[in-house]
Amino acid sequence: MLRNLKLLLGLELDGATDQDDLLVYLLNGTVRKILDYCNLLELPLELEDVAVEITLKRYRSQQVDTNTERTVKAITVGGVRTEFADNKSGGGIDQMIDAFRPQLNRYRRMRTL
């Protein structure tokens, strides 16, 4: 999964990159969240692509959060009011998983006590 994630991000596939630790951390967190949601102990092969896609969104969200660029949301010339909007894509992992619920629900198991 890490190789596929690096491929989608355009990172060097062979050898370790500076981003590997962050990618592994995000990927592991995504897999844990999927396993918790589906009540599974192991990630099915069919859900690996979903985990990679969610992790890709999480990684890109992290990049946007660290970006200091902001866009103008409102301008008032007469009273000189300028308001900036954040460029954050917003949403945590739960919101990112929401987009994949139809795929995840196929593998979801009932929780047993």
N, C-alpha and C. Protein backbone atom coordinates (compact mmCIF):
# COMPACT_ATOMS: atom_id res chain seq x y z
N MET A 1 0.83 -1.19 0.00
CA MET A 1 0.00 0.00 0.00
C MET A 1 0.87 1.26 0.00
N LEU A 2 2.00 1.21 0.75
CA LEU A 2 2.89 2.37 0.78
C LEU A 2 3.43 2.67 -0.60
N ARG A 3 3.77 1.64 -1.35
CA ARG A 3 4.29 1.84 -2.71
C ARG A 3 3.24 2.52 -3.59
N ASN A 4 2.00 2.06 -3.52
CA ASN A 4 0.93 2.67 -4.31
C ASN A 4 0.71 4.12 -3.90
N LEU A 5 0.77 4.39 -2.61
CA LEU A 5 0.60 5.75 -2.11
C LEU A 5 1.71 6.66 -2.64
N LYS A 6 2.94 6.17 -2.59
CA LYS A 6 4.06 6.96 -3.09
C LYS A 6 3.95 7.17 -4.60
N LEU A 7 3.45 6.17 -5.30
CA LEU A 7 3.25 6.29 -6.75
C LEU A 7 2.25 7.40 -7.05
N LEU A 8 1.13 7.42 -6.33
CA LEU A 8 0.11 8.44 -6.55
C LEU A 8 0.60 9.84 -6.19
N LEU A 9 1.51 9.92 -5.23
CA LEU A 9 2.04 11.22 -4.80
C LEU A 9 3.23 11.66 -5.65
N GLY A 10 3.71 10.78 -6.52
CA GLY A 10 4.85 11.13 -7.35
C GLY A 10 6.16 11.11 -6.60
N LEU A 11 6.22 10.35 -5.51
CA LEU A 11 7.44 10.24 -4.72
C LEU A 11 8.30 9.09 -5.23
N GLU A 12 9.57 9.13 -4.90
CA GLU A 12 10.50 8.08 -5.31
C GLU A 12 10.05 6.75 -4.73
N LEU A 13 9.94 5.74 -5.59
CA LEU A 13 9.44 4.44 -5.15
C LEU A 13 10.51 3.59 -4.49
N ASP A 14 11.73 3.66 -4.99
CA ASP A 14 12.82 2.85 -4.45
C ASP A 14 13.55 3.64 -3.38
N GLY A 15 13.77 3.00 -2.26
CA GLY A 15 14.48 3.66 -1.17
C GLY A 15 13.54 4.51 -0.33
N ALA A 16 14.03 4.87 0.83
CA ALA A 16 13.22 5.66 1.77
C ALA A 16 13.29 7.14 1.39
N THR A 17 12.17 7.81 1.57
CA THR A 17 12.12 9.25 1.35
C THR A 17 11.86 9.92 2.70
N ASP A 18 11.97 11.23 2.71
CA ASP A 18 11.72 11.99 3.94
C ASP A 18 10.27 11.86 4.39
N GLN A 19 9.38 11.58 3.47
CA GLN A 19 7.95 11.53 3.77
C GLN A 19 7.49 10.15 4.26
N ASP A 20 8.35 9.14 4.19
CA ASP A 20 7.92 7.78 4.50
C ASP A 20 7.32 7.63 5.90
N ASP A 21 7.93 8.24 6.90
CA ASP A 21 7.41 8.12 8.27
C ASP A 21 6.00 8.69 8.37
N LEU A 22 5.78 9.84 7.78
CA LEU A 22 4.45 10.45 7.80
C LEU A 22 3.45 9.59 7.03
N LEU A 23 3.85 9.09 5.87
CA LEU A 23 2.95 8.26 5.07
C LEU A 23 2.57 6.98 5.80
N VAL A 24 3.54 6.34 6.44
CA VAL A 24 3.27 5.11 7.19
C VAL A 24 2.34 5.40 8.36
N TYR A 25 2.58 6.51 9.05
CA TYR A 25 1.72 6.90 10.18
C TYR A 25 0.28 7.13 9.71
N LEU A 26 0.11 7.89 8.63
CA LEU A 26 -1.23 8.16 8.11
C LEU A 26 -1.90 6.90 7.59
N LEU A 27 -1.14 6.06 6.92
CA LEU A 27 -1.68 4.81 6.38
C LEU A 27 -2.13 3.88 7.50
N ASN A 28 -1.30 3.74 8.54
CA ASN A 28 -1.67 2.89 9.67
C ASN A 28 -2.92 3.40 10.38
N GLY A 29 -3.02 4.71 10.54
CA GLY A 29 -4.20 5.29 11.16
C GLY A 29 -5.45 5.07 10.33
N THR A 30 -5.32 5.18 9.03
CA THR A 30 -6.45 4.95 8.14
C THR A 30 -6.90 3.49 8.21
N VAL A 31 -5.95 2.58 8.19
CA VAL A 31 -6.28 1.16 8.26
C VAL A 31 -6.98 0.84 9.58
N ARG A 32 -6.46 1.38 10.69
CA ARG A 32 -7.10 1.15 11.99
C ARG A 32 -8.53 1.68 12.00
N LYS A 33 -8.74 2.85 11.43
CA LYS A 33 -10.07 3.44 11.40
C LYS A 33 -11.02 2.58 10.55
N ILE A 34 -10.55 2.08 9.43
CA ILE A 34 -11.37 1.21 8.59
C ILE A 34 -11.70 -0.08 9.32
N LEU A 35 -10.70 -0.68 9.97
CA LEU A 35 -10.93 -1.91 10.73
C LEU A 35 -11.94 -1.69 11.85
N ASP A 36 -11.82 -0.56 12.54
CA ASP A 36 -12.78 -0.24 13.60
C ASP A 36 -14.19 -0.07 13.04
N TYR A 37 -14.30 0.65 11.95
CA TYR A 37 -15.61 0.90 11.36
C TYR A 37 -16.25 -0.41 10.88
N CYS A 38 -15.45 -1.28 10.26
CA CYS A 38 -15.98 -2.52 9.70
C CYS A 38 -16.01 -3.66 10.72
N ASN A 39 -15.48 -3.44 11.92
CA ASN A 39 -15.41 -4.48 12.95
C ASN A 39 -14.64 -5.70 12.45
N LEU A 40 -13.49 -5.45 11.85
CA LEU A 40 -12.64 -6.50 11.31
C LEU A 40 -11.32 -6.53 12.05
N LEU A 41 -10.63 -7.68 11.96
CA LEU A 41 -9.31 -7.81 12.55
C LEU A 41 -8.20 -7.61 11.51
N GLU A 42 -8.51 -7.93 10.26
CA GLU A 42 -7.54 -7.77 9.17
C GLU A 42 -8.21 -7.05 8.01
N LEU A 43 -7.42 -6.26 7.30
CA LEU A 43 -7.94 -5.51 6.16
C LEU A 43 -8.03 -6.42 4.94
N PRO A 44 -9.23 -6.58 4.37
CA PRO A 44 -9.35 -7.38 3.15
C PRO A 44 -8.58 -6.73 2.00
N LEU A 45 -8.06 -7.54 1.13
CA LEU A 45 -7.30 -7.06 -0.02
C LEU A 45 -8.11 -6.06 -0.83
N GLU A 46 -9.41 -6.27 -0.91
CA GLU A 46 -10.28 -5.40 -1.69
C GLU A 46 -10.38 -3.98 -1.12
N LEU A 47 -10.06 -3.82 0.16
CA LEU A 47 -10.15 -2.49 0.79
C LEU A 47 -8.81 -1.76 0.83
N GLU A 48 -7.76 -2.37 0.32
CA GLU A 48 -6.46 -1.71 0.33
C GLU A 48 -6.47 -0.43 -0.50
N ASP A 49 -7.13 -0.46 -1.65
CA ASP A 49 -7.22 0.74 -2.50
C ASP A 49 -7.98 1.85 -1.80
N VAL A 50 -9.02 1.48 -1.06
CA VAL A 50 -9.79 2.47 -0.30
C VAL A 50 -8.89 3.10 0.77
N ALA A 51 -8.10 2.27 1.45
CA ALA A 51 -7.19 2.79 2.48
C ALA A 51 -6.16 3.74 1.86
N VAL A 52 -5.67 3.40 0.68
CA VAL A 52 -4.69 4.26 0.00
C VAL A 52 -5.34 5.58 -0.39
N GLU A 53 -6.55 5.53 -0.93
CA GLU A 53 -7.24 6.76 -1.35
C GLU A 53 -7.53 7.68 -0.17
N ILE A 54 -7.99 7.12 0.94
CA ILE A 54 -8.27 7.93 2.12
C ILE A 54 -6.97 8.53 2.66
N THR A 55 -5.92 7.72 2.68
CA THR A 55 -4.62 8.22 3.16
C THR A 55 -4.09 9.31 2.25
N LEU A 56 -4.30 9.18 0.96
CA LEU A 56 -3.89 10.21 0.01
C LEU A 56 -4.59 11.53 0.32
N LYS A 57 -5.90 11.46 0.59
CA LYS A 57 -6.64 12.67 0.96
C LYS A 57 -6.14 13.25 2.27
N ARG A 58 -5.84 12.38 3.23
CA ARG A 58 -5.33 12.85 4.52
C ARG A 58 -3.98 13.54 4.35
N TYR A 59 -3.11 12.95 3.53
CA TYR A 59 -1.79 13.53 3.29
C TYR A 59 -1.91 14.90 2.64
N ARG A 60 -2.76 14.97 1.63
CA ARG A 60 -2.95 16.25 0.94
C ARG A 60 -3.58 17.28 1.86
N SER A 61 -4.44 16.85 2.76
CA SER A 61 -5.03 17.73 3.74
C SER A 61 -3.95 18.28 4.67
N GLN A 62 -3.00 17.45 5.06
CA GLN A 62 -1.89 17.88 5.90
C GLN A 62 -1.05 18.93 5.18
N GLN A 63 -0.84 18.73 3.88
CA GLN A 63 -0.06 19.68 3.10
C GLN A 63 -0.76 21.02 3.01
N VAL A 64 -2.07 21.01 2.84
CA VAL A 64 -2.84 22.25 2.77
C VAL A 64 -2.80 22.97 4.11
N ASP A 65 -2.89 22.20 5.21
CA ASP A 65 -2.89 22.80 6.54
C ASP A 65 -1.58 23.53 6.84
N THR A 66 -0.48 23.03 6.29
CA THR A 66 0.80 23.67 6.55
C THR A 66 1.08 24.81 5.59
N ASN A 67 0.29 24.92 4.55
CA ASN A 67 0.45 25.99 3.58
C ASN A 67 -0.08 27.29 4.17
N THR A 68 0.72 28.33 4.09
CA THR A 68 0.32 29.60 4.68
C THR A 68 -0.45 30.49 3.73
N GLU A 69 -0.62 30.04 2.50
CA GLU A 69 -1.38 30.85 1.55
C GLU A 69 -2.83 30.94 1.96
N ARG A 70 -3.39 32.10 1.79
CA ARG A 70 -4.80 32.30 2.11
C ARG A 70 -5.42 33.10 0.97
N THR A 71 -6.68 32.89 0.76
CA THR A 71 -7.37 33.63 -0.28
C THR A 71 -8.31 34.63 0.35
N VAL A 72 -8.59 35.68 -0.39
CA VAL A 72 -9.49 36.72 0.11
C VAL A 72 -10.92 36.21 0.01
N LYS A 73 -11.65 36.31 1.12
CA LYS A 73 -13.04 35.88 1.15
C LYS A 73 -13.99 37.06 1.02
N ALA A 74 -13.62 38.20 1.59
CA ALA A 74 -14.49 39.38 1.54
C ALA A 74 -13.63 40.64 1.50
N ILE A 75 -14.10 41.63 0.74
CA ILE A 75 -13.41 42.92 0.68
C ILE A 75 -14.45 44.02 0.84
N THR A 76 -14.17 44.97 1.73
CA THR A 76 -14.99 46.17 1.86
C THR A 76 -14.06 47.35 1.66
N VAL A 77 -14.19 48.03 0.58
CA VAL A 77 -13.26 49.11 0.24
C VAL A 77 -13.53 50.36 1.06
N GLY A 78 -14.81 50.73 1.25
CA GLY A 78 -15.15 51.95 1.98
C GLY A 78 -14.68 51.94 3.43
N GLY A 79 -14.82 50.87 4.12
CA GLY A 79 -14.38 50.77 5.51
C GLY A 79 -13.09 49.99 5.64
N VAL A 80 -12.47 49.67 4.55
CA VAL A 80 -11.23 48.90 4.46
C VAL A 80 -11.29 47.62 5.29
N ARG A 81 -12.22 46.77 4.99
CA ARG A 81 -12.31 45.47 5.65
C ARG A 81 -11.86 44.41 4.66
N THR A 82 -10.86 43.63 5.00
CA THR A 82 -10.39 42.53 4.18
C THR A 82 -10.43 41.28 5.04
N GLU A 83 -11.06 40.25 4.55
CA GLU A 83 -11.18 39.00 5.32
C GLU A 83 -10.59 37.88 4.50
N PHE A 84 -9.82 37.02 5.15
CA PHE A 84 -9.19 35.90 4.46
C PHE A 84 -9.89 34.60 4.79
N ALA A 85 -9.96 33.73 3.80
CA ALA A 85 -10.52 32.40 4.01
C ALA A 85 -9.37 31.40 4.07
N ASP A 86 -9.51 30.40 4.90
CA ASP A 86 -8.49 29.35 4.95
C ASP A 86 -8.63 28.46 3.73
N ASN A 87 -7.49 27.97 3.26
CA ASN A 87 -7.48 27.05 2.13
C ASN A 87 -7.57 25.60 2.57
N LYS A 88 -7.95 25.35 3.79
CA LYS A 88 -8.00 23.99 4.29
C LYS A 88 -9.11 23.23 3.59
N SER A 89 -8.80 22.00 3.26
CA SER A 89 -9.81 21.15 2.64
C SER A 89 -10.81 20.70 3.68
N GLY A 90 -10.43 20.80 4.93
CA GLY A 90 -11.34 20.53 6.03
C GLY A 90 -11.65 19.07 6.21
N GLY A 91 -12.19 18.78 7.36
CA GLY A 91 -12.63 17.43 7.64
C GLY A 91 -11.54 16.54 8.16
N GLY A 92 -11.89 15.78 9.14
CA GLY A 92 -10.98 14.80 9.67
C GLY A 92 -11.14 13.48 8.94
N ILE A 93 -10.51 12.47 9.49
CA ILE A 93 -10.55 11.15 8.86
C ILE A 93 -11.97 10.61 8.81
N ASP A 94 -12.79 10.92 9.83
CA ASP A 94 -14.17 10.43 9.82
C ASP A 94 -14.95 10.97 8.62
N GLN A 95 -14.75 12.23 8.31
CA GLN A 95 -15.43 12.80 7.15
C GLN A 95 -14.89 12.22 5.85
N MET A 96 -13.61 11.91 5.81
CA MET A 96 -13.03 11.31 4.61
C MET A 96 -13.56 9.89 4.42
N ILE A 97 -13.74 9.17 5.52
CA ILE A 97 -14.27 7.82 5.44
C ILE A 97 -15.72 7.84 4.99
N ASP A 98 -16.47 8.89 5.35
CA ASP A 98 -17.87 9.00 4.93
C ASP A 98 -18.04 8.84 3.42
N ALA A 99 -17.10 9.36 2.67
CA ALA A 99 -17.18 9.29 1.21
C ALA A 99 -17.06 7.85 0.70
N PHE A 100 -16.49 6.98 1.53
CA PHE A 100 -16.25 5.60 1.12
C PHE A 100 -17.17 4.60 1.84
N ARG A 101 -18.15 5.09 2.55
CA ARG A 101 -19.04 4.21 3.32
C ARG A 101 -19.71 3.13 2.47
N PRO A 102 -20.18 3.44 1.25
CA PRO A 102 -20.79 2.36 0.45
C PRO A 102 -19.84 1.18 0.23
N GLN A 103 -18.57 1.45 -0.06
CA GLN A 103 -17.60 0.38 -0.25
C GLN A 103 -17.30 -0.33 1.07
N LEU A 104 -17.17 0.44 2.14
CA LEU A 104 -16.84 -0.13 3.45
C LEU A 104 -17.99 -0.96 3.99
N ASN A 105 -19.22 -0.54 3.74
CA ASN A 105 -20.38 -1.25 4.28
C ASN A 105 -20.49 -2.68 3.75
N ARG A 106 -19.93 -2.94 2.58
CA ARG A 106 -19.95 -4.30 2.04
C ARG A 106 -19.15 -5.27 2.91
N TYR A 107 -18.19 -4.73 3.66
CA TYR A 107 -17.30 -5.57 4.48
C TYR A 107 -17.58 -5.42 5.98
N ARG A 108 -18.57 -4.62 6.31
CA ARG A 108 -18.86 -4.35 7.71
C ARG A 108 -19.52 -5.56 8.38
N ARG A 109 -19.06 -5.87 9.57
CA ARG A 109 -19.58 -6.98 10.34
C ARG A 109 -20.29 -6.44 11.57
N MET A 110 -21.25 -7.22 12.04
CA MET A 110 -21.91 -6.83 13.29
C MET A 110 -20.95 -7.06 14.44
N ARG A 111 -20.99 -6.15 15.37
CA ARG A 111 -20.12 -6.26 16.54
C ARG A 111 -20.72 -7.29 17.50
N THR A 112 -19.87 -8.15 18.03
CA THR A 112 -20.33 -9.12 19.01
C THR A 112 -19.77 -8.73 20.37
N LEU A 113 -20.53 -9.01 21.40
CA LEU A 113 -20.09 -8.66 22.76
C LEU A 113 -19.27 -9.73 23.38
